[in-house]
Amino acid sequence: MATIFIHDGDAIDITPSADIQAGDVVVQGDLVCVSKRDIPANTLGAVATRGVFDFPKASGAIDAGEVVHWDESNGVATTTASGNKRIGKAVLAAAAADETVRALLIP
């Protein structure tokens, strides 16, 4: 059987068991996604797998180009890999006092 193209993969369909709000980070295994719209529980919706987003961040500075990870327990982006899921790379430096880091989702 040949491989069949489905779509570009910038978003994937999910059916969440709980309500998801626009801007929520959705983790599926090792895949970090972001919801661009509200998705009610038990309703099919799409989450972004690629794109540039501002993520709430942990304390500390993050350099542009640095790999960032999602700390699901605390709901923040961090440079700490251990125990966290890879988001992608920071596309803009974030100072220690900044509340967000701009990062490119890289599946």
PDB file of N, CA and C in Angstrom:
ATOM      1  N   MET A   1       0.842  -1.177   0.000  1.00  0.00           N
ATOM      2  CA  MET A   1       0.000   0.000   0.000  1.00  0.00           C
ATOM      3  C   MET A   1       0.887   1.239   0.000  1.00  0.00           C
ATOM      4  N   ALA A   2       0.543   2.209  -0.803  1.00  0.00           N
ATOM      5  CA  ALA A   2       1.295   3.455  -0.901  1.00  0.00           C
ATOM      6  C   ALA A   2       0.926   4.387   0.252  1.00  0.00           C
ATOM      7  N   THR A   3       1.863   5.259   0.619  1.00  0.00           N
ATOM      8  CA  THR A   3       1.586   6.302   1.602  1.00  0.00           C
ATOM      9  C   THR A   3       0.638   7.310   0.980  1.00  0.00           C
ATOM     10  N   ILE A   4      -0.369   7.749   1.739  1.00  0.00           N
ATOM     11  CA  ILE A   4      -1.383   8.656   1.216  1.00  0.00           C
ATOM     12  C   ILE A   4      -1.282  10.000   1.916  1.00  0.00           C
ATOM     13  N   PHE A   5      -1.146  11.085   1.134  1.00  0.00           N
ATOM     14  CA  PHE A   5      -1.082  12.440   1.679  1.00  0.00           C
ATOM     15  C   PHE A   5      -2.444  12.813   2.254  1.00  0.00           C
ATOM     16  N   ILE A   6      -2.451  13.368   3.480  1.00  0.00           N
ATOM     17  CA  ILE A   6      -3.686  13.797   4.126  1.00  0.00           C
ATOM     18  C   ILE A   6      -3.773  15.319   4.149  1.00  0.00           C
ATOM     19  N   HIS A   7      -2.778  16.007   4.748  1.00  0.00           N
ATOM     20  CA  HIS A   7      -2.721  17.472   4.751  1.00  0.00           C
ATOM     21  C   HIS A   7      -1.344  17.920   5.197  1.00  0.00           C
ATOM     22  N   ASP A   8      -1.077  19.226   5.147  1.00  0.00           N
ATOM     23  CA  ASP A   8       0.261  19.750   5.444  1.00  0.00           C
ATOM     24  C   ASP A   8       0.709  19.527   6.883  1.00  0.00           C
ATOM     25  N   GLY A   9      -0.202  19.407   7.804  1.00  0.00           N
ATOM     26  CA  GLY A   9       0.178  19.119   9.184  1.00  0.00           C
ATOM     27  C   GLY A   9       0.412  20.337  10.046  1.00  0.00           C
ATOM     28  N   ASP A  10       0.009  21.519   9.577  1.00  0.00           N
ATOM     29  CA  ASP A  10       0.142  22.718  10.411  1.00  0.00           C
ATOM     30  C   ASP A  10      -0.839  22.683  11.574  1.00  0.00           C
ATOM     31  N   ALA A  11      -1.841  21.823  11.480  1.00  0.00           N
ATOM     32  CA  ALA A  11      -2.820  21.613  12.544  1.00  0.00           C
ATOM     33  C   ALA A  11      -3.253  20.159  12.485  1.00  0.00           C
ATOM     34  N   ILE A  12      -3.685  19.649  13.621  1.00  0.00           N
ATOM     35  CA  ILE A  12      -4.231  18.294  13.675  1.00  0.00           C
ATOM     36  C   ILE A  12      -5.569  18.335  14.392  1.00  0.00           C
ATOM     37  N   ASP A  13      -6.429  17.395  14.058  1.00  0.00           N
ATOM     38  CA  ASP A  13      -7.731  17.296  14.705  1.00  0.00           C
ATOM     39  C   ASP A  13      -7.611  16.514  15.999  1.00  0.00           C
ATOM     40  N   ILE A  14      -8.323  17.009  17.011  1.00  0.00           N
ATOM     41  CA  ILE A  14      -8.414  16.298  18.286  1.00  0.00           C
ATOM     42  C   ILE A  14      -9.852  16.386  18.781  1.00  0.00           C
ATOM     43  N   THR A  15     -10.208  15.492  19.677  1.00  0.00           N
ATOM     44  CA  THR A  15     -11.486  15.545  20.375  1.00  0.00           C
ATOM     45  C   THR A  15     -11.146  15.511  21.865  1.00  0.00           C
ATOM     46  N   PRO A  16     -11.057  16.688  22.493  1.00  0.00           N
ATOM     47  CA  PRO A  16     -10.628  16.736  23.895  1.00  0.00           C
ATOM     48  C   PRO A  16     -11.712  16.224  24.855  1.00  0.00           C
ATOM     49  N   SER A  17     -11.290  15.664  25.968  1.00  0.00           N
ATOM     50  CA  SER A  17     -12.240  15.193  26.982  1.00  0.00           C
ATOM     51  C   SER A  17     -12.690  16.333  27.894  1.00  0.00           C
ATOM     52  N   ALA A  18     -11.961  17.451  27.867  1.00  0.00           N
ATOM     53  CA  ALA A  18     -12.322  18.643  28.655  1.00  0.00           C
ATOM     54  C   ALA A  18     -12.265  19.859  27.737  1.00  0.00           C
ATOM     55  N   ASP A  19     -12.977  20.920  28.117  1.00  0.00           N
ATOM     56  CA  ASP A  19     -12.965  22.151  27.323  1.00  0.00           C
ATOM     57  C   ASP A  19     -11.540  22.670  27.164  1.00  0.00           C
ATOM     58  N   ILE A  20     -11.236  23.170  25.966  1.00  0.00           N
ATOM     59  CA  ILE A  20      -9.957  23.807  25.679  1.00  0.00           C
ATOM     60  C   ILE A  20     -10.262  25.237  25.259  1.00  0.00           C
ATOM     61  N   GLN A  21      -9.508  26.179  25.798  1.00  0.00           N
ATOM     62  CA  GLN A  21      -9.672  27.587  25.456  1.00  0.00           C
ATOM     63  C   GLN A  21      -8.636  27.983  24.402  1.00  0.00           C
ATOM     64  N   ALA A  22      -8.966  28.997  23.609  1.00  0.00           N
ATOM     65  CA  ALA A  22      -8.002  29.518  22.648  1.00  0.00           C
ATOM     66  C   ALA A  22      -6.738  29.917  23.401  1.00  0.00           C
ATOM     67  N   GLY A  23      -5.595  29.499  22.904  1.00  0.00           N
ATOM     68  CA  GLY A  23      -4.321  29.814  23.537  1.00  0.00           C
ATOM     69  C   GLY A  23      -3.826  28.736  24.485  1.00  0.00           C
ATOM     70  N   ASP A  24      -4.655  27.744  24.773  1.00  0.00           N
ATOM     71  CA  ASP A  24      -4.216  26.657  25.653  1.00  0.00           C
ATOM     72  C   ASP A  24      -3.156  25.816  24.952  1.00  0.00           C
ATOM     73  N   VAL A  25      -2.170  25.385  25.718  1.00  0.00           N
ATOM     74  CA  VAL A  25      -1.173  24.447  25.223  1.00  0.00           C
ATOM     75  C   VAL A  25      -1.746  23.048  25.421  1.00  0.00           C
ATOM     76  N   VAL A  26      -1.702  22.253  24.369  1.00  0.00           N
ATOM     77  CA  VAL A  26      -2.229  20.893  24.395  1.00  0.00           C
ATOM     78  C   VAL A  26      -1.074  19.942  24.136  1.00  0.00           C
ATOM     79  N   VAL A  27      -0.846  19.025  25.060  1.00  0.00           N
ATOM     80  CA  VAL A  27       0.249  18.068  24.922  1.00  0.00           C
ATOM     81  C   VAL A  27      -0.333  16.695  24.612  1.00  0.00           C
ATOM     82  N   GLN A  28       0.137  16.104  23.528  1.00  0.00           N
ATOM     83  CA  GLN A  28      -0.264  14.753  23.146  1.00  0.00           C
ATOM     84  C   GLN A  28       1.005  13.932  23.010  1.00  0.00           C
ATOM     85  N   GLY A  29       1.299  13.129  24.019  1.00  0.00           N
ATOM     86  CA  GLY A  29       2.555  12.392  24.028  1.00  0.00           C
ATOM     87  C   GLY A  29       3.703  13.371  24.083  1.00  0.00           C
ATOM     88  N   ASP A  30       4.574  13.354  23.077  1.00  0.00           N
ATOM     89  CA  ASP A  30       5.686  14.299  23.004  1.00  0.00           C
ATOM     90  C   ASP A  30       5.389  15.482  22.096  1.00  0.00           C
ATOM     91  N   LEU A  31       4.169  15.561  21.585  1.00  0.00           N
ATOM     92  CA  LEU A  31       3.785  16.626  20.665  1.00  0.00           C
ATOM     93  C   LEU A  31       3.120  17.773  21.417  1.00  0.00           C
ATOM     94  N   VAL A  32       3.716  18.958  21.326  1.00  0.00           N
ATOM     95  CA  VAL A  32       3.153  20.158  21.956  1.00  0.00           C
ATOM     96  C   VAL A  32       2.418  20.948  20.878  1.00  0.00           C
ATOM     97  N   CYS A  33       1.150  21.255  21.137  1.00  0.00           N
ATOM     98  CA  CYS A  33       0.295  21.984  20.202  1.00  0.00           C
ATOM     99  C   CYS A  33      -0.317  23.179  20.921  1.00  0.00           C
ATOM    100  N   VAL A  34      -0.905  24.088  20.154  1.00  0.00           N
ATOM    101  CA  VAL A  34      -1.591  25.249  20.721  1.00  0.00           C
ATOM    102  C   VAL A  34      -2.955  25.366  20.060  1.00  0.00           C
ATOM    103  N   SER A  35      -3.974  25.582  20.882  1.00  0.00           N
ATOM    104  CA  SER A  35      -5.315  25.776  20.361  1.00  0.00           C
ATOM    105  C   SER A  35      -5.484  27.228  19.924  1.00  0.00           C
ATOM    106  N   LYS A  36      -5.928  27.424  18.701  1.00  0.00           N
ATOM    107  CA  LYS A  36      -6.154  28.778  18.195  1.00  0.00           C
ATOM    108  C   LYS A  36      -7.590  29.231  18.449  1.00  0.00           C
ATOM    109  N   ARG A  37      -8.458  28.290  18.796  1.00  0.00           N
ATOM    110  CA  ARG A  37      -9.866  28.589  19.071  1.00  0.00           C
ATOM    111  C   ARG A  37     -10.338  27.741  20.247  1.00  0.00           C
ATOM    112  N   ASP A  38     -11.437  28.143  20.847  1.00  0.00           N
ATOM    113  CA  ASP A  38     -12.053  27.322  21.892  1.00  0.00           C
ATOM    114  C   ASP A  38     -12.534  26.009  21.270  1.00  0.00           C
ATOM    115  N   ILE A  39     -12.347  24.913  22.010  1.00  0.00           N
ATOM    116  CA  ILE A  39     -12.861  23.616  21.578  1.00  0.00           C
ATOM    117  C   ILE A  39     -13.614  23.023  22.761  1.00  0.00           C
ATOM    118  N   PRO A  40     -14.930  22.889  22.654  1.00  0.00           N
ATOM    119  CA  PRO A  40     -15.693  22.283  23.747  1.00  0.00           C
ATOM    120  C   PRO A  40     -15.320  20.812  23.924  1.00  0.00           C
ATOM    121  N   ALA A  41     -15.490  20.311  25.127  1.00  0.00           N
ATOM    122  CA  ALA A  41     -15.224  18.904  25.422  1.00  0.00           C
ATOM    123  C   ALA A  41     -16.018  18.009  24.480  1.00  0.00           C
ATOM    124  N   ASN A  42     -15.413  16.904  24.090  1.00  0.00           N
ATOM    125  CA  ASN A  42     -16.045  15.886  23.258  1.00  0.00           C
ATOM    126  C   ASN A  42     -16.493  16.406  21.889  1.00  0.00           C
ATOM    127  N   THR A  43     -15.818  17.462  21.410  1.00  0.00           N
ATOM    128  CA  THR A  43     -16.118  18.045  20.104  1.00  0.00           C
ATOM    129  C   THR A  43     -14.843  18.067  19.280  1.00  0.00           C
ATOM    130  N   LEU A  44     -14.939  17.662  18.039  1.00  0.00           N
ATOM    131  CA  LEU A  44     -13.786  17.676  17.148  1.00  0.00           C
ATOM    132  C   LEU A  44     -13.333  19.111  16.894  1.00  0.00           C
ATOM    133  N   GLY A  45     -12.043  19.352  17.030  1.00  0.00           N
ATOM    134  CA  GLY A  45     -11.468  20.670  16.770  1.00  0.00           C
ATOM    135  C   GLY A  45     -10.025  20.507  16.349  1.00  0.00           C
ATOM    136  N   ALA A  46      -9.407  21.607  15.937  1.00  0.00           N
ATOM    137  CA  ALA A  46      -8.030  21.554  15.451  1.00  0.00           C
ATOM    138  C   ALA A  46      -7.109  22.347  16.364  1.00  0.00           C
ATOM    139  N   VAL A  47      -5.891  21.833  16.545  1.00  0.00           N
ATOM    140  CA  VAL A  47      -4.849  22.537  17.286  1.00  0.00           C
ATOM    141  C   VAL A  47      -3.631  22.684  16.386  1.00  0.00           C
ATOM    142  N   ALA A  48      -2.918  23.794  16.557  1.00  0.00           N
ATOM    143  CA  ALA A  48      -1.741  24.082  15.729  1.00  0.00           C
ATOM    144  C   ALA A  48      -0.555  23.234  16.164  1.00  0.00           C
ATOM    145  N   THR A  49       0.139  22.690  15.182  1.00  0.00           N
ATOM    146  CA  THR A  49       1.372  21.949  15.443  1.00  0.00           C
ATOM    147  C   THR A  49       2.595  22.745  15.003  1.00  0.00           C
ATOM    148  N   ARG A  50       2.335  23.835  14.291  1.00  0.00           N
ATOM    149  CA  ARG A  50       3.403  24.710  13.815  1.00  0.00           C
ATOM    150  C   ARG A  50       2.951  26.145  13.942  1.00  0.00           C
ATOM    151  N   GLY A  51       3.909  27.042  13.991  1.00  0.00           N
ATOM    152  CA  GLY A  51       3.601  28.460  14.081  1.00  0.00           C
ATOM    153  C   GLY A  51       4.438  29.117  15.157  1.00  0.00           C
ATOM    154  N   VAL A  52       4.317  30.417  15.257  1.00  0.00           N
ATOM    155  CA  VAL A  52       5.043  31.193  16.256  1.00  0.00           C
ATOM    156  C   VAL A  52       4.036  31.707  17.268  1.00  0.00           C
ATOM    157  N   PHE A  53       4.291  31.442  18.544  1.00  0.00           N
ATOM    158  CA  PHE A  53       3.380  31.795  19.624  1.00  0.00           C
ATOM    159  C   PHE A  53       4.149  32.412  20.784  1.00  0.00           C
ATOM    160  N   ASP A  54       3.481  33.266  21.546  1.00  0.00           N
ATOM    161  CA  ASP A  54       4.027  33.767  22.809  1.00  0.00           C
ATOM    162  C   ASP A  54       3.568  32.834  23.917  1.00  0.00           C
ATOM    163  N   PHE A  55       4.524  32.187  24.569  1.00  0.00           N
ATOM    164  CA  PHE A  55       4.237  31.256  25.654  1.00  0.00           C
ATOM    165  C   PHE A  55       4.554  31.925  26.986  1.00  0.00           C
ATOM    166  N   PRO A  56       3.736  31.696  28.016  1.00  0.00           N
ATOM    167  CA  PRO A  56       4.147  32.146  29.345  1.00  0.00           C
ATOM    168  C   PRO A  56       5.445  31.431  29.685  1.00  0.00           C
ATOM    169  N   LYS A  57       6.352  32.128  30.367  1.00  0.00           N
ATOM    170  CA  LYS A  57       7.652  31.492  30.608  1.00  0.00           C
ATOM    171  C   LYS A  57       8.028  31.462  32.080  1.00  0.00           C
ATOM    172  N   ALA A  58       8.906  30.541  32.393  1.00  0.00           N
ATOM    173  CA  ALA A  58       9.489  30.438  33.726  1.00  0.00           C
ATOM    174  C   ALA A  58      10.469  31.584  33.915  1.00  0.00           C
ATOM    175  N   SER A  59      10.943  31.755  35.128  1.00  0.00           N
ATOM    176  CA  SER A  59      11.926  32.808  35.395  1.00  0.00           C
ATOM    177  C   SER A  59      13.229  32.500  34.655  1.00  0.00           C
ATOM    178  N   GLY A  60      13.990  33.520  34.414  1.00  0.00           N
ATOM    179  CA  GLY A  60      15.259  33.364  33.722  1.00  0.00           C
ATOM    180  C   GLY A  60      15.171  33.847  32.298  1.00  0.00           C
ATOM    181  N   ALA A  61      16.317  34.251  31.777  1.00  0.00           N
ATOM    182  CA  ALA A  61      16.395  34.741  30.403  1.00  0.00           C
ATOM    183  C   ALA A  61      16.447  33.572  29.429  1.00  0.00           C
ATOM    184  N   ILE A  62      15.943  33.805  28.221  1.00  0.00           N
ATOM    185  CA  ILE A  62      16.013  32.815  27.149  1.00  0.00           C
ATOM    186  C   ILE A  62      16.537  33.539  25.912  1.00  0.00           C
ATOM    187  N   ASP A  63      17.594  33.015  25.332  1.00  0.00           N
ATOM    188  CA  ASP A  63      18.195  33.616  24.141  1.00  0.00           C
ATOM    189  C   ASP A  63      17.448  33.190  22.884  1.00  0.00           C
ATOM    190  N   ALA A  64      17.446  34.049  21.878  1.00  0.00           N
ATOM    191  CA  ALA A  64      16.886  33.687  20.579  1.00  0.00           C
ATOM    192  C   ALA A  64      17.642  32.481  20.047  1.00  0.00           C
ATOM    193  N   GLY A  65      16.922  31.528  19.522  1.00  0.00           N
ATOM    194  CA  GLY A  65      17.535  30.316  18.992  1.00  0.00           C
ATOM    195  C   GLY A  65      17.669  29.197  20.002  1.00  0.00           C
ATOM    196  N   GLU A  66      17.426  29.502  21.271  1.00  0.00           N
ATOM    197  CA  GLU A  66      17.547  28.488  22.314  1.00  0.00           C
ATOM    198  C   GLU A  66      16.344  27.542  22.274  1.00  0.00           C
ATOM    199  N   VAL A  67      16.579  26.266  22.532  1.00  0.00           N
ATOM    200  CA  VAL A  67      15.501  25.281  22.572  1.00  0.00           C
ATOM    201  C   VAL A  67      14.679  25.516  23.837  1.00  0.00           C
ATOM    202  N   VAL A  68      13.360  25.541  23.664  1.00  0.00           N
ATOM    203  CA  VAL A  68      12.466  25.721  24.808  1.00  0.00           C
ATOM    204  C   VAL A  68      11.559  24.496  24.939  1.00  0.00           C
ATOM    205  N   HIS A  69      11.134  24.246  26.168  1.00  0.00           N
ATOM    206  CA  HIS A  69      10.334  23.068  26.502  1.00  0.00           C
ATOM    207  C   HIS A  69       9.101  23.523  27.277  1.00  0.00           C
ATOM    208  N   TRP A  70       8.061  22.697  27.260  1.00  0.00           N
ATOM    209  CA  TRP A  70       6.831  23.007  27.986  1.00  0.00           C
ATOM    210  C   TRP A  70       6.815  22.256  29.306  1.00  0.00           C
ATOM    211  N   ASP A  71       6.754  23.021  30.393  1.00  0.00           N
ATOM    212  CA  ASP A  71       6.615  22.475  31.742  1.00  0.00           C
ATOM    213  C   ASP A  71       5.120  22.408  32.020  1.00  0.00           C
ATOM    214  N   GLU A  72       4.531  21.245  31.760  1.00  0.00           N
ATOM    215  CA  GLU A  72       3.080  21.082  31.867  1.00  0.00           C
ATOM    216  C   GLU A  72       2.585  21.273  33.296  1.00  0.00           C
ATOM    217  N   SER A  73       3.384  20.878  34.263  1.00  0.00           N
ATOM    218  CA  SER A  73       2.983  21.015  35.672  1.00  0.00           C
ATOM    219  C   SER A  73       2.790  22.466  36.082  1.00  0.00           C
ATOM    220  N   ASN A  74       3.657  23.348  35.577  1.00  0.00           N
ATOM    221  CA  ASN A  74       3.607  24.763  35.955  1.00  0.00           C
ATOM    222  C   ASN A  74       3.016  25.659  34.872  1.00  0.00           C
ATOM    223  N   GLY A  75       2.741  25.092  33.698  1.00  0.00           N
ATOM    224  CA  GLY A  75       2.143  25.863  32.610  1.00  0.00           C
ATOM    225  C   GLY A  75       3.026  26.957  32.064  1.00  0.00           C
ATOM    226  N   VAL A  76       4.339  26.660  31.931  1.00  0.00           N
ATOM    227  CA  VAL A  76       5.286  27.662  31.438  1.00  0.00           C
ATOM    228  C   VAL A  76       6.311  27.034  30.495  1.00  0.00           C
ATOM    229  N   ALA A  77       6.861  27.881  29.638  1.00  0.00           N
ATOM    230  CA  ALA A  77       7.983  27.484  28.790  1.00  0.00           C
ATOM    231  C   ALA A  77       9.269  27.645  29.593  1.00  0.00           C
ATOM    232  N   THR A  78      10.193  26.757  29.360  1.00  0.00           N
ATOM    233  CA  THR A  78      11.450  26.743  30.099  1.00  0.00           C
ATOM    234  C   THR A  78      12.560  26.199  29.201  1.00  0.00           C
ATOM    235  N   THR A  79      13.797  26.426  29.600  1.00  0.00           N
ATOM    236  CA  THR A  79      14.918  25.828  28.874  1.00  0.00           C
ATOM    237  C   THR A  79      15.299  24.473  29.481  1.00  0.00           C
ATOM    238  N   THR A  80      14.621  24.076  30.537  1.00  0.00           N
ATOM    239  CA  THR A  80      14.897  22.794  31.197  1.00  0.00           C
ATOM    240  C   THR A  80      14.251  21.662  30.411  1.00  0.00           C
ATOM    241  N   ALA A  81      15.067  20.759  29.905  1.00  0.00           N
ATOM    242  CA  ALA A  81      14.566  19.647  29.102  1.00  0.00           C
ATOM    243  C   ALA A  81      14.026  18.515  29.968  1.00  0.00           C
ATOM    244  N   SER A  82      14.682  18.238  31.072  1.00  0.00           N
ATOM    245  CA  SER A  82      14.338  17.092  31.906  1.00  0.00           C
ATOM    246  C   SER A  82      12.900  17.155  32.412  1.00  0.00           C
ATOM    247  N   GLY A  83      12.120  16.144  32.060  1.00  0.00           N
ATOM    248  CA  GLY A  83      10.742  16.048  32.522  1.00  0.00           C
ATOM    249  C   GLY A  83       9.756  16.907  31.757  1.00  0.00           C
ATOM    250  N   ASN A  84      10.225  17.626  30.732  1.00  0.00           N
ATOM    251  CA  ASN A  84       9.361  18.527  29.972  1.00  0.00           C
ATOM    252  C   ASN A  84       9.343  18.129  28.496  1.00  0.00           C
ATOM    253  N   LYS A  85       8.368  18.656  27.758  1.00  0.00           N
ATOM    254  CA  LYS A  85       8.201  18.339  26.338  1.00  0.00           C
ATOM    255  C   LYS A  85       8.752  19.476  25.483  1.00  0.00           C
ATOM    256  N   ARG A  86       9.426  19.142  24.415  1.00  0.00           N
ATOM    257  CA  ARG A  86      10.042  20.140  23.529  1.00  0.00           C
ATOM    258  C   ARG A  86       8.975  20.923  22.775  1.00  0.00           C
ATOM    259  N   ILE A  87       9.056  22.262  22.879  1.00  0.00           N
ATOM    260  CA  ILE A  87       8.190  23.151  22.104  1.00  0.00           C
ATOM    261  C   ILE A  87       8.833  23.405  20.751  1.00  0.00           C
ATOM    262  N   GLY A  88      10.051  23.875  20.789  1.00  0.00           N
ATOM    263  CA  GLY A  88      10.772  24.263  19.572  1.00  0.00           C
ATOM    264  C   GLY A  88      11.888  25.209  19.941  1.00  0.00           C
ATOM    265  N   LYS A  89      11.977  26.331  19.227  1.00  0.00           N
ATOM    266  CA  LYS A  89      13.060  27.287  19.486  1.00  0.00           C
ATOM    267  C   LYS A  89      12.522  28.684  19.679  1.00  0.00           C
ATOM    268  N   ALA A  90      13.172  29.403  20.590  1.00  0.00           N
ATOM    269  CA  ALA A  90      12.832  30.809  20.807  1.00  0.00           C
ATOM    270  C   ALA A  90      13.226  31.591  19.554  1.00  0.00           C
ATOM    271  N   VAL A  91      12.345  32.468  19.099  1.00  0.00           N
ATOM    272  CA  VAL A  91      12.650  33.274  17.917  1.00  0.00           C
ATOM    273  C   VAL A  91      12.942  34.722  18.290  1.00  0.00           C
ATOM    274  N   LEU A  92      12.810  35.029  19.566  1.00  0.00           N
ATOM    275  CA  LEU A  92      13.068  36.370  20.087  1.00  0.00           C
ATOM    276  C   LEU A  92      13.616  36.198  21.495  1.00  0.00           C
ATOM    277  N   ALA A  93      14.674  36.910  21.816  1.00  0.00           N
ATOM    278  CA  ALA A  93      15.232  36.817  23.163  1.00  0.00           C
ATOM    279  C   ALA A  93      14.207  37.308  24.185  1.00  0.00           C
ATOM    280  N   ALA A  94      14.174  36.656  25.341  1.00  0.00           N
ATOM    281  CA  ALA A  94      13.290  37.048  26.436  1.00  0.00           C
ATOM    282  C   ALA A  94      14.149  37.301  27.666  1.00  0.00           C
ATOM    283  N   ALA A  95      14.033  38.490  28.235  1.00  0.00           N
ATOM    284  CA  ALA A  95      14.784  38.831  29.448  1.00  0.00           C
ATOM    285  C   ALA A  95      14.198  38.083  30.639  1.00  0.00           C
ATOM    286  N   ALA A  96      14.961  37.998  31.702  1.00  0.00           N
ATOM    287  CA  ALA A  96      14.508  37.300  32.908  1.00  0.00           C
ATOM    288  C   ALA A  96      13.185  37.861  33.420  1.00  0.00           C
ATOM    289  N   ALA A  97      12.992  39.167  33.306  1.00  0.00           N
ATOM    290  CA  ALA A  97      11.776  39.799  33.806  1.00  0.00           C
ATOM    291  C   ALA A  97      10.572  39.666  32.867  1.00  0.00           C
ATOM    292  N   ASP A  98      10.801  39.235  31.625  1.00  0.00           N
ATOM    293  CA  ASP A  98       9.696  39.079  30.676  1.00  0.00           C
ATOM    294  C   ASP A  98       8.762  37.958  31.125  1.00  0.00           C
ATOM    295  N   GLU A  99       7.479  38.141  30.861  1.00  0.00           N
ATOM    296  CA  GLU A  99       6.488  37.136  31.234  1.00  0.00           C
ATOM    297  C   GLU A  99       6.270  36.084  30.162  1.00  0.00           C
ATOM    298  N   THR A 100       6.718  36.386  28.924  1.00  0.00           N
ATOM    299  CA  THR A 100       6.521  35.447  27.819  1.00  0.00           C
ATOM    300  C   THR A 100       7.809  35.272  27.019  1.00  0.00           C
ATOM    301  N   VAL A 101       7.804  34.192  26.249  1.00  0.00           N
ATOM    302  CA  VAL A 101       8.865  33.970  25.279  1.00  0.00           C
ATOM    303  C   VAL A 101       8.184  33.628  23.953  1.00  0.00           C
ATOM    304  N   ARG A 102       8.671  34.222  22.875  1.00  0.00           N
ATOM    305  CA  ARG A 102       8.133  33.943  21.546  1.00  0.00           C
ATOM    306  C   ARG A 102       8.896  32.767  20.980  1.00  0.00           C
ATOM    307  N   ALA A 103       8.150  31.706  20.656  1.00  0.00           N
ATOM    308  CA  ALA A 103       8.802  30.463  20.198  1.00  0.00           C
ATOM    309  C   ALA A 103       8.101  29.901  18.982  1.00  0.00           C
ATOM    310  N   LEU A 104       8.888  29.234  18.162  1.00  0.00           N
ATOM    311  CA  LEU A 104       8.414  28.540  16.980  1.00  0.00           C
ATOM    312  C   LEU A 104       8.142  27.092  17.360  1.00  0.00           C
ATOM    313  N   LEU A 105       6.877  26.663  17.186  1.00  0.00           N
ATOM    314  CA  LEU A 105       6.557  25.249  17.404  1.00  0.00           C
ATOM    315  C   LEU A 105       7.275  24.436  16.347  1.00  0.00           C
ATOM    316  N   ILE A 106       8.029  23.450  16.792  1.00  0.00           N
ATOM    317  CA  ILE A 106       8.716  22.541  15.875  1.00  0.00           C
ATOM    318  C   ILE A 106       8.393  21.120  16.322  1.00  0.00           C
ATOM    319  N   PRO A 107       7.489  20.456  15.598  1.00  0.00           N
ATOM    320  CA  PRO A 107       7.125  19.088  16.004  1.00  0.00           C
ATOM    321  C   PRO A 107       8.282  18.124  15.902  1.00  0.00           C
TER     322      PRO A 107
END
